[in-house]
N, C-alpha and C. Protein backbone atom coordinates (compact mmCIF):
# COMPACT_ATOMS: atom_id res chain seq x y z
N MET A 1 -2.18 -29.60 2.71
CA MET A 1 -1.91 -28.91 3.96
C MET A 1 -2.04 -27.60 3.87
N ASP A 2 -2.72 -26.85 4.58
CA ASP A 2 -3.19 -25.39 4.86
C ASP A 2 -1.96 -24.81 5.48
N LEU A 3 -1.78 -23.43 5.49
CA LEU A 3 -0.30 -22.79 5.69
C LEU A 3 -0.72 -22.90 7.32
N ASN A 4 -1.95 -22.49 8.16
CA ASN A 4 -1.89 -23.05 9.45
C ASN A 4 -1.40 -24.08 10.11
N GLU A 5 -1.62 -25.21 9.31
CA GLU A 5 -1.12 -26.70 9.39
C GLU A 5 0.58 -26.27 9.60
N ARG A 6 1.25 -25.73 8.74
CA ARG A 6 2.49 -25.57 8.77
C ARG A 6 3.09 -24.63 9.87
N GLY A 7 2.16 -23.82 10.37
CA GLY A 7 2.57 -23.04 11.49
C GLY A 7 3.14 -21.79 11.18
N GLY A 8 3.00 -21.51 9.87
CA GLY A 8 3.63 -20.23 9.41
C GLY A 8 2.77 -18.80 9.36
N VAL A 9 1.81 -19.37 9.35
CA VAL A 9 0.71 -17.60 9.22
C VAL A 9 0.69 -17.42 10.26
N ALA A 10 0.17 -17.87 11.50
CA ALA A 10 -0.08 -17.58 12.79
C ALA A 10 1.09 -17.02 13.41
N GLU A 11 2.18 -17.43 13.43
CA GLU A 11 3.53 -17.19 13.95
C GLU A 11 3.85 -15.96 13.25
N LEU A 12 3.63 -15.73 11.89
CA LEU A 12 4.24 -14.42 11.23
C LEU A 12 3.12 -13.32 11.50
N ARG A 13 1.74 -13.47 11.52
CA ARG A 13 1.04 -12.60 12.01
C ARG A 13 1.22 -11.77 13.40
N GLU A 14 1.85 -13.07 14.45
CA GLU A 14 1.99 -12.53 15.74
C GLU A 14 3.16 -11.68 15.76
N ALA A 15 4.59 -12.22 14.90
CA ALA A 15 5.74 -11.32 14.74
C ALA A 15 5.37 -10.30 14.24
N GLN A 16 4.58 -10.27 13.21
CA GLN A 16 4.24 -8.68 12.67
C GLN A 16 3.46 -7.79 13.58
N GLU A 17 2.76 -8.43 14.10
CA GLU A 17 1.77 -7.49 15.37
C GLU A 17 3.16 -7.05 16.65
N ILE A 18 4.08 -7.98 17.00
CA ILE A 18 4.67 -7.77 18.06
C ILE A 18 5.63 -6.42 17.36
N ALA A 19 6.22 -6.79 16.16
CA ALA A 19 7.35 -5.55 15.52
C ALA A 19 6.40 -4.43 15.37
N ASP A 20 5.11 -4.36 14.95
CA ASP A 20 4.61 -3.02 14.92
C ASP A 20 4.11 -2.60 16.04
N SER A 21 3.94 -3.22 17.27
CA SER A 21 3.66 -2.58 18.38
C SER A 21 5.03 -1.95 19.00
N GLN A 22 6.42 -2.90 18.62
CA GLN A 22 7.54 -2.30 19.55
C GLN A 22 7.82 -0.76 18.87
N THR A 23 6.98 -0.20 17.93
CA THR A 23 7.19 1.19 17.23
C THR A 23 6.19 2.12 17.91
N LYS A 24 5.35 1.53 18.73
CA LYS A 24 4.64 2.42 19.68
C LYS A 24 3.74 3.25 18.53
N LYS A 25 3.28 2.93 17.62
CA LYS A 25 2.26 3.58 16.74
C LYS A 25 1.22 3.26 16.52
N LEU A 26 0.30 4.08 16.20
CA LEU A 26 -1.15 3.84 15.93
C LEU A 26 -1.68 2.91 14.75
N TYR A 27 -2.18 1.94 14.64
CA TYR A 27 -2.48 1.32 14.01
C TYR A 27 -4.11 1.00 13.82
N LYS A 28 -4.77 1.89 13.39
CA LYS A 28 -6.09 2.16 13.06
C LYS A 28 -6.78 0.76 12.78
N GLY A 29 -6.11 -0.10 12.21
CA GLY A 29 -6.63 -1.45 11.53
C GLY A 29 -6.79 -1.28 10.27
N TYR A 30 -7.50 -2.57 9.68
CA TYR A 30 -7.74 -2.39 8.54
C TYR A 30 -8.58 -1.36 7.96
N PRO A 31 -8.00 -0.68 6.93
CA PRO A 31 -8.75 0.66 6.47
C PRO A 31 -10.19 0.36 6.23
N GLU A 32 -11.14 1.23 6.67
CA GLU A 32 -12.51 0.90 5.86
C GLU A 32 -13.18 2.07 5.75
N THR A 33 -12.54 3.29 5.78
CA THR A 33 -13.06 4.60 5.24
C THR A 33 -11.80 5.15 4.69
N PRO A 34 -11.82 6.26 3.66
CA PRO A 34 -10.77 7.10 3.43
C PRO A 34 -9.89 7.67 4.42
N ASP A 35 -10.56 8.22 5.59
CA ASP A 35 -10.23 8.77 6.67
C ASP A 35 -9.19 7.60 7.33
N ASP A 36 -9.48 6.44 7.33
CA ASP A 36 -8.74 5.15 8.07
C ASP A 36 -7.60 4.99 7.46
N TRP A 37 -7.73 4.87 5.95
CA TRP A 37 -6.24 5.13 5.11
C TRP A 37 -5.25 6.12 5.14
N TRP A 38 -5.88 7.52 5.33
CA TRP A 38 -4.60 8.41 5.42
C TRP A 38 -4.48 8.65 7.00
N VAL A 39 -5.06 8.03 8.11
CA VAL A 39 -4.77 8.07 9.28
C VAL A 39 -3.46 6.85 9.54
N ASN A 40 -3.53 5.74 8.92
CA ASN A 40 -2.54 5.07 8.86
C ASN A 40 -1.36 5.14 8.33
N PHE A 41 -1.74 5.59 6.81
CA PHE A 41 -0.28 6.13 5.84
C PHE A 41 0.30 7.41 6.67
N ASN A 42 -0.43 8.26 7.34
CA ASN A 42 0.48 9.15 7.99
C ASN A 42 1.02 9.00 9.08
N GLU A 43 0.55 8.33 9.84
CA GLU A 43 1.28 7.44 11.15
C GLU A 43 2.08 6.83 10.71
N TRP A 44 2.43 5.84 9.83
CA TRP A 44 3.26 4.81 9.44
C TRP A 44 4.40 5.24 8.26
N TYR A 45 4.00 6.41 7.80
CA TYR A 45 5.03 7.02 6.53
C TYR A 45 6.32 6.89 7.14
N GLU A 46 6.67 7.57 8.13
CA GLU A 46 8.21 7.74 8.59
C GLU A 46 8.41 7.27 9.58
N PRO A 47 9.26 6.38 10.10
CA PRO A 47 10.14 5.82 9.06
C PRO A 47 9.70 4.57 8.29
N GLU A 48 8.63 3.98 8.70
CA GLU A 48 8.50 2.59 8.49
C GLU A 48 8.25 2.37 6.84
N LEU A 49 7.11 3.01 6.48
CA LEU A 49 7.05 2.91 5.21
C LEU A 49 7.88 3.58 3.97
N LEU A 50 8.44 4.52 4.69
CA LEU A 50 9.78 5.24 4.01
C LEU A 50 10.95 4.16 3.46
N GLU A 51 11.08 3.41 4.74
CA GLU A 51 12.13 2.63 4.68
C GLU A 51 12.11 1.28 3.93
N ILE A 52 10.96 0.99 3.67
CA ILE A 52 10.36 -0.38 3.13
C ILE A 52 10.57 0.15 1.55
N VAL A 53 9.87 1.46 1.24
CA VAL A 53 10.35 1.93 -0.18
C VAL A 53 11.76 2.03 -0.48
N SER A 54 12.52 2.12 0.43
CA SER A 54 13.59 2.80 0.31
C SER A 54 14.67 1.23 0.17
N ARG A 55 14.37 0.35 0.55
CA ARG A 55 14.99 -0.95 0.81
C ARG A 55 14.59 -1.62 -0.75
N TYR A 56 13.49 -1.49 -1.37
CA TYR A 56 13.46 -2.20 -2.49
C TYR A 56 13.08 -1.36 -3.84
N LEU A 57 13.27 -0.08 -3.87
CA LEU A 57 13.14 0.96 -5.05
C LEU A 57 14.53 1.68 -5.18
N VAL A 58 14.62 2.13 -6.43
CA VAL A 58 15.85 3.16 -6.78
C VAL A 58 15.12 4.47 -6.13
N GLU A 59 16.47 5.51 -6.07
CA GLU A 59 16.39 6.58 -5.57
C GLU A 59 15.06 7.59 -6.50
N ALA A 60 14.95 7.47 -7.70
CA ALA A 60 14.13 8.38 -8.53
C ALA A 60 12.50 7.89 -7.80
N ASP A 61 12.46 6.73 -7.67
CA ASP A 61 10.99 6.29 -7.13
C ASP A 61 10.76 6.80 -5.49
N ILE A 62 11.97 6.69 -4.94
CA ILE A 62 11.99 7.00 -3.73
C ILE A 62 11.25 8.66 -3.50
N ASN A 63 12.00 9.64 -4.35
CA ASN A 63 11.75 10.77 -4.75
C ASN A 63 10.38 11.10 -4.88
N THR A 64 9.82 10.17 -5.86
CA THR A 64 8.42 10.15 -6.28
C THR A 64 7.23 10.16 -5.25
N PHE A 65 7.92 9.14 -4.13
CA PHE A 65 7.17 8.58 -2.98
C PHE A 65 6.89 9.97 -2.03
N LYS A 66 7.81 10.52 -2.04
CA LYS A 66 8.08 11.67 -1.11
C LYS A 66 7.12 12.63 -1.67
N LYS A 67 7.42 13.04 -3.11
CA LYS A 67 6.60 14.01 -3.62
C LYS A 67 5.37 13.81 -3.77
N ALA A 68 4.63 12.26 -3.71
CA ALA A 68 3.36 12.02 -3.80
C ALA A 68 2.82 12.36 -2.23
N LYS A 69 3.64 12.19 -1.27
CA LYS A 69 3.39 12.43 -0.14
C LYS A 69 2.57 13.77 -0.08
N GLU A 70 3.72 14.84 -0.43
CA GLU A 70 3.55 16.20 -0.06
C GLU A 70 2.38 16.72 -1.17
N ASP A 71 2.05 15.88 -2.09
CA ASP A 71 0.86 16.58 -2.97
C ASP A 71 -0.38 15.75 -2.63
N LYS A 72 -0.26 14.82 -1.75
CA LYS A 72 -1.25 13.90 -1.07
C LYS A 72 -2.00 13.31 -2.48
N ASP A 73 -1.28 12.74 -3.29
CA ASP A 73 -1.54 11.78 -4.37
C ASP A 73 -1.77 10.32 -4.25
N PRO A 74 -2.74 9.91 -3.84
CA PRO A 74 -3.06 8.29 -3.41
C PRO A 74 -2.61 7.42 -4.31
N ARG A 75 -2.98 7.94 -5.47
CA ARG A 75 -2.57 6.89 -6.75
C ARG A 75 -1.12 6.70 -7.19
N VAL A 76 -0.27 7.56 -6.96
CA VAL A 76 1.34 7.57 -6.95
C VAL A 76 1.41 6.96 -5.58
N LEU A 77 1.16 7.25 -4.57
CA LEU A 77 1.49 6.42 -3.19
C LEU A 77 1.79 5.06 -3.45
N VAL A 78 -0.07 4.38 -3.78
CA VAL A 78 -0.24 3.22 -3.92
C VAL A 78 0.70 2.74 -5.00
N ALA A 79 0.80 3.44 -6.08
CA ALA A 79 1.69 2.65 -7.03
C ALA A 79 3.14 2.34 -6.57
N VAL A 80 3.89 3.24 -5.89
CA VAL A 80 5.29 3.47 -5.60
C VAL A 80 4.99 2.06 -4.23
N MET A 81 4.28 1.86 -3.63
CA MET A 81 4.25 0.87 -2.53
C MET A 81 4.02 -0.43 -3.20
N ASN A 82 3.26 -0.30 -4.31
CA ASN A 82 2.84 -1.59 -5.04
C ASN A 82 4.03 -2.16 -5.88
N ARG A 83 4.99 -0.99 -5.93
CA ARG A 83 6.45 -1.68 -6.91
C ARG A 83 7.15 -2.02 -5.99
N ALA A 84 7.13 -1.52 -4.49
CA ALA A 84 8.31 -2.23 -3.66
C ALA A 84 7.55 -3.38 -2.81
N TRP A 85 6.40 -3.72 -3.05
CA TRP A 85 5.82 -5.03 -2.73
C TRP A 85 6.43 -6.08 -3.54
N PHE A 86 6.07 -5.50 -4.93
CA PHE A 86 6.44 -6.55 -6.07
C PHE A 86 7.94 -6.91 -5.94
N ASN A 87 8.84 -6.01 -5.58
CA ASN A 87 10.20 -6.12 -5.93
C ASN A 87 10.78 -6.64 -4.60
N ALA A 88 9.90 -6.86 -3.59
CA ALA A 88 10.30 -7.57 -2.23
C ALA A 88 10.62 -9.29 -2.23
N SER A 89 11.32 -9.67 -1.39
CA SER A 89 11.40 -11.25 -1.45
C SER A 89 10.34 -11.95 -0.98
N ASP A 90 10.01 -13.30 -1.74
CA ASP A 90 9.13 -14.16 -1.40
C ASP A 90 9.11 -14.55 0.35
N SER A 91 10.26 -14.34 0.92
CA SER A 91 10.62 -15.08 2.25
C SER A 91 9.22 -14.50 3.39
N MET A 92 9.11 -15.08 4.13
CA MET A 92 7.98 -15.32 4.88
C MET A 92 8.40 -13.98 6.09
N CYS A 93 9.79 -13.80 6.02
CA CYS A 93 10.33 -12.79 7.19
C CYS A 93 10.28 -11.59 7.02
N ILE A 94 9.62 -11.20 5.75
CA ILE A 94 9.59 -9.87 5.31
C ILE A 94 8.45 -9.39 6.16
N HIS A 95 7.58 -10.31 6.62
CA HIS A 95 6.38 -9.71 7.45
C HIS A 95 7.00 -9.38 8.83
N THR A 96 7.97 -9.69 9.15
CA THR A 96 8.20 -9.02 10.50
C THR A 96 8.89 -7.74 10.39
N PHE A 97 8.93 -7.08 9.18
CA PHE A 97 9.30 -5.69 8.93
C PHE A 97 8.25 -4.81 9.79
N PRO A 98 8.65 -3.80 10.50
CA PRO A 98 7.69 -2.82 11.14
C PRO A 98 6.82 -2.16 9.95
N GLY A 99 5.64 -2.25 10.06
CA GLY A 99 4.89 -1.52 8.93
C GLY A 99 4.76 -2.34 7.77
N TRP A 100 4.99 -3.48 7.57
CA TRP A 100 4.83 -4.50 6.31
C TRP A 100 3.17 -4.57 6.07
N GLY A 101 2.88 -5.01 7.33
CA GLY A 101 1.46 -5.15 7.17
C GLY A 101 0.32 -4.26 7.07
N VAL A 102 1.05 -3.23 7.52
CA VAL A 102 0.20 -1.63 7.05
C VAL A 102 0.38 -1.38 5.47
N MET A 103 1.53 -1.61 5.11
CA MET A 103 1.61 -1.07 3.72
C MET A 103 0.66 -2.08 2.99
N CYS A 104 0.91 -3.22 3.07
CA CYS A 104 -0.03 -3.97 2.51
C CYS A 104 -1.71 -3.94 2.42
N ASP A 105 -2.02 -3.72 3.54
CA ASP A 105 -3.25 -3.18 4.15
C ASP A 105 -3.55 -1.89 3.17
N LEU A 106 -2.74 -0.81 3.04
CA LEU A 106 -3.06 0.68 2.35
C LEU A 106 -2.94 0.06 0.74
N CYS A 107 -2.19 -0.76 0.54
CA CYS A 107 -2.23 -1.04 -1.14
C CYS A 107 -3.60 -1.97 -1.47
N SER A 108 -4.01 -2.95 -0.65
CA SER A 108 -4.98 -3.79 -0.75
C SER A 108 -6.48 -2.65 -0.61
N GLU A 109 -6.54 -1.95 0.23
CA GLU A 109 -7.65 -0.96 0.43
C GLU A 109 -7.42 0.38 -0.26
N SER A 110 -6.57 0.53 -1.36
CA SER A 110 -6.26 1.78 -2.20
C SER A 110 -7.84 2.11 -2.79
N TYR A 111 -8.55 1.42 -2.81
CA TYR A 111 -9.82 2.00 -3.54
C TYR A 111 -10.55 2.73 -3.17
N LEU A 112 -10.27 2.84 -1.43
CA LEU A 112 -11.10 4.12 -0.54
C LEU A 112 -10.57 5.42 -0.85
N VAL A 113 -9.12 5.72 -1.38
CA VAL A 113 -8.64 6.79 -1.66
C VAL A 113 -8.30 7.11 -3.24
N GLU A 114 -8.87 6.15 -4.02
CA GLU A 114 -8.68 6.31 -5.52
C GLU A 114 -10.05 6.64 -6.27
N LEU A 115 -11.29 6.01 -5.27
CA LEU A 115 -12.44 6.51 -5.86
C LEU A 115 -12.92 7.64 -5.01
N ASN A 116 -14.26 8.38 -6.20
CA ASN A 116 -14.65 9.36 -5.49
C ASN A 116 -15.97 8.86 -4.86
N GLU A 117 -16.86 9.94 -4.14
CA GLU A 117 -17.69 9.43 -3.31
C GLU A 117 -18.84 8.67 -3.67
N ASP A 118 -19.34 9.07 -5.09
CA ASP A 118 -20.20 8.60 -5.88
C ASP A 118 -19.55 7.09 -6.32
N GLN A 119 -18.35 6.83 -6.62
CA GLN A 119 -18.01 5.73 -6.91
C GLN A 119 -18.21 4.80 -5.65
N LEU A 120 -17.75 5.16 -4.72
CA LEU A 120 -17.87 4.43 -3.40
C LEU A 120 -19.28 4.03 -3.12
N LYS A 121 -19.97 5.00 -3.35
CA LYS A 121 -21.85 4.66 -3.19
C LYS A 121 -22.14 3.32 -4.21
N GLN A 122 -21.69 3.91 -5.14
CA GLN A 122 -21.99 2.63 -6.60
C GLN A 122 -21.28 1.10 -5.94
N MET A 123 -20.09 1.30 -5.44
CA MET A 123 -19.62 -0.03 -4.84
C MET A 123 -20.53 -0.74 -3.98
N GLU A 124 -20.85 0.21 -3.00
CA GLU A 124 -21.42 -0.33 -1.90
C GLU A 124 -22.84 -0.94 -2.10
N LYS A 125 -23.26 -0.52 -3.29
CA LYS A 125 -24.92 -0.87 -3.86
C LYS A 125 -24.28 -2.41 -4.85
N GLY A 126 -23.34 -2.40 -4.95
CA GLY A 126 -23.01 -3.85 -5.88
C GLY A 126 -23.15 -3.41 -7.10
N GLU A 127 -23.45 -1.81 -7.65
CA GLU A 127 -23.43 -1.44 -9.30
C GLU A 127 -22.12 -1.45 -9.57
N GLU A 128 -22.01 -1.39 -11.13
CA GLU A 128 -20.62 -1.04 -11.64
C GLU A 128 -20.00 0.37 -11.67
N ILE A 129 -18.76 0.19 -11.27
CA ILE A 129 -18.41 1.69 -11.00
C ILE A 129 -18.23 2.52 -12.35
N THR A 130 -18.60 3.81 -12.37
CA THR A 130 -18.32 4.55 -13.68
C THR A 130 -17.28 5.29 -13.54
N GLN A 131 -16.34 4.87 -14.31
CA GLN A 131 -15.00 5.85 -14.44
C GLN A 131 -15.19 7.36 -14.70
N THR A 132 -14.48 8.35 -14.31
CA THR A 132 -14.26 9.48 -14.68
C THR A 132 -13.19 9.44 -15.66
N GLU A 133 -13.47 10.78 -16.57
CA GLU A 133 -12.47 11.07 -17.64
C GLU A 133 -11.10 11.16 -17.06
N ASP A 134 -10.90 11.77 -15.75
CA ASP A 134 -9.44 11.97 -15.58
C ASP A 134 -8.92 10.69 -14.77
N GLN A 135 -9.80 9.67 -14.28
CA GLN A 135 -9.51 8.38 -13.78
C GLN A 135 -9.12 7.54 -15.22
N LEU A 136 -9.63 7.48 -16.48
CA LEU A 136 -9.22 6.95 -17.49
C LEU A 136 -7.70 7.37 -17.84
N LYS A 137 -7.80 8.75 -17.85
CA LYS A 137 -6.55 9.07 -18.18
C LYS A 137 -5.34 8.67 -17.36
N GLN A 138 -5.73 8.57 -16.06
CA GLN A 138 -4.66 8.30 -15.27
C GLN A 138 -4.43 6.77 -15.48
N GLY A 139 -5.39 5.91 -15.33
CA GLY A 139 -5.03 4.54 -15.80
C GLY A 139 -4.18 4.33 -17.12
N LYS A 140 -4.29 5.09 -18.26
CA LYS A 140 -3.33 5.17 -19.01
C LYS A 140 -1.98 5.67 -18.92
N VAL A 141 -1.90 6.31 -17.57
CA VAL A 141 -0.51 6.82 -17.35
C VAL A 141 0.22 5.95 -16.50
N GLU A 142 -0.92 5.23 -15.44
CA GLU A 142 -0.09 4.57 -14.69
C GLU A 142 0.44 3.02 -15.66
N LEU A 143 -0.16 2.51 -16.89
CA LEU A 143 0.04 1.57 -17.70
C LEU A 143 1.73 1.81 -18.25
N GLU A 144 1.56 3.32 -18.66
CA GLU A 144 2.83 3.57 -19.35
C GLU A 144 4.05 3.89 -18.31
N THR A 145 3.59 3.88 -17.10
CA THR A 145 4.65 3.74 -15.90
C THR A 145 5.05 2.68 -15.45
N LYS A 146 4.36 1.67 -15.50
CA LYS A 146 4.55 0.28 -15.40
C LYS A 146 5.52 -0.25 -16.18
N GLU A 147 5.38 0.09 -17.43
CA GLU A 147 6.31 -0.10 -18.46
C GLU A 147 7.49 0.45 -18.11
N ASN A 148 7.39 1.83 -17.90
CA ASN A 148 9.14 2.26 -17.69
C ASN A 148 9.44 1.49 -16.52
N TRP A 149 8.89 1.02 -15.36
CA TRP A 149 9.31 0.28 -14.41
C TRP A 149 9.91 -1.29 -14.58
N ALA A 150 9.47 -1.28 -15.80
CA ALA A 150 10.17 -2.74 -16.07
C ALA A 150 11.58 -2.98 -15.88
N GLN A 151 12.23 -1.94 -16.38
CA GLN A 151 13.75 -1.90 -16.42
C GLN A 151 14.20 -2.29 -15.04
N TYR A 152 13.50 -2.23 -14.02
CA TYR A 152 14.10 -2.26 -12.50
C TYR A 152 13.89 -3.77 -12.07
N ILE A 153 13.16 -4.40 -12.88
CA ILE A 153 12.88 -6.03 -12.48
C ILE A 153 13.96 -6.94 -12.73
């Protein structure tokens, strides 16, 4: 039996859309460009995304999230949002939280703001993406950070 037969997915998506519409915020839709990603992030940062992060993470991670917003550092922003998503319950009601769907879209489309223009073009052409030296170093830092976060699980 698929999820639609159980009636869960359609109702949850509708509940999410109702919750999001009640905030009277602009949701540009599923991000397809870096500009879309940043418009959605900035529009939904406060209070929705900040509340979600605050609900599921410790104070140090919340401060990291705030600092990453000031620095416009998408890798850290996405890492923190992914951690909040990971720590959230598996309950279907989570999809009714204002901004939850936006956060999920930002996380799943994070490549838009993590890759440079040449890499985005490589991806569009179906070519293998060549990572820069900085991205390789950042990947190592993210692995170390994930190991440090293991203490919160």
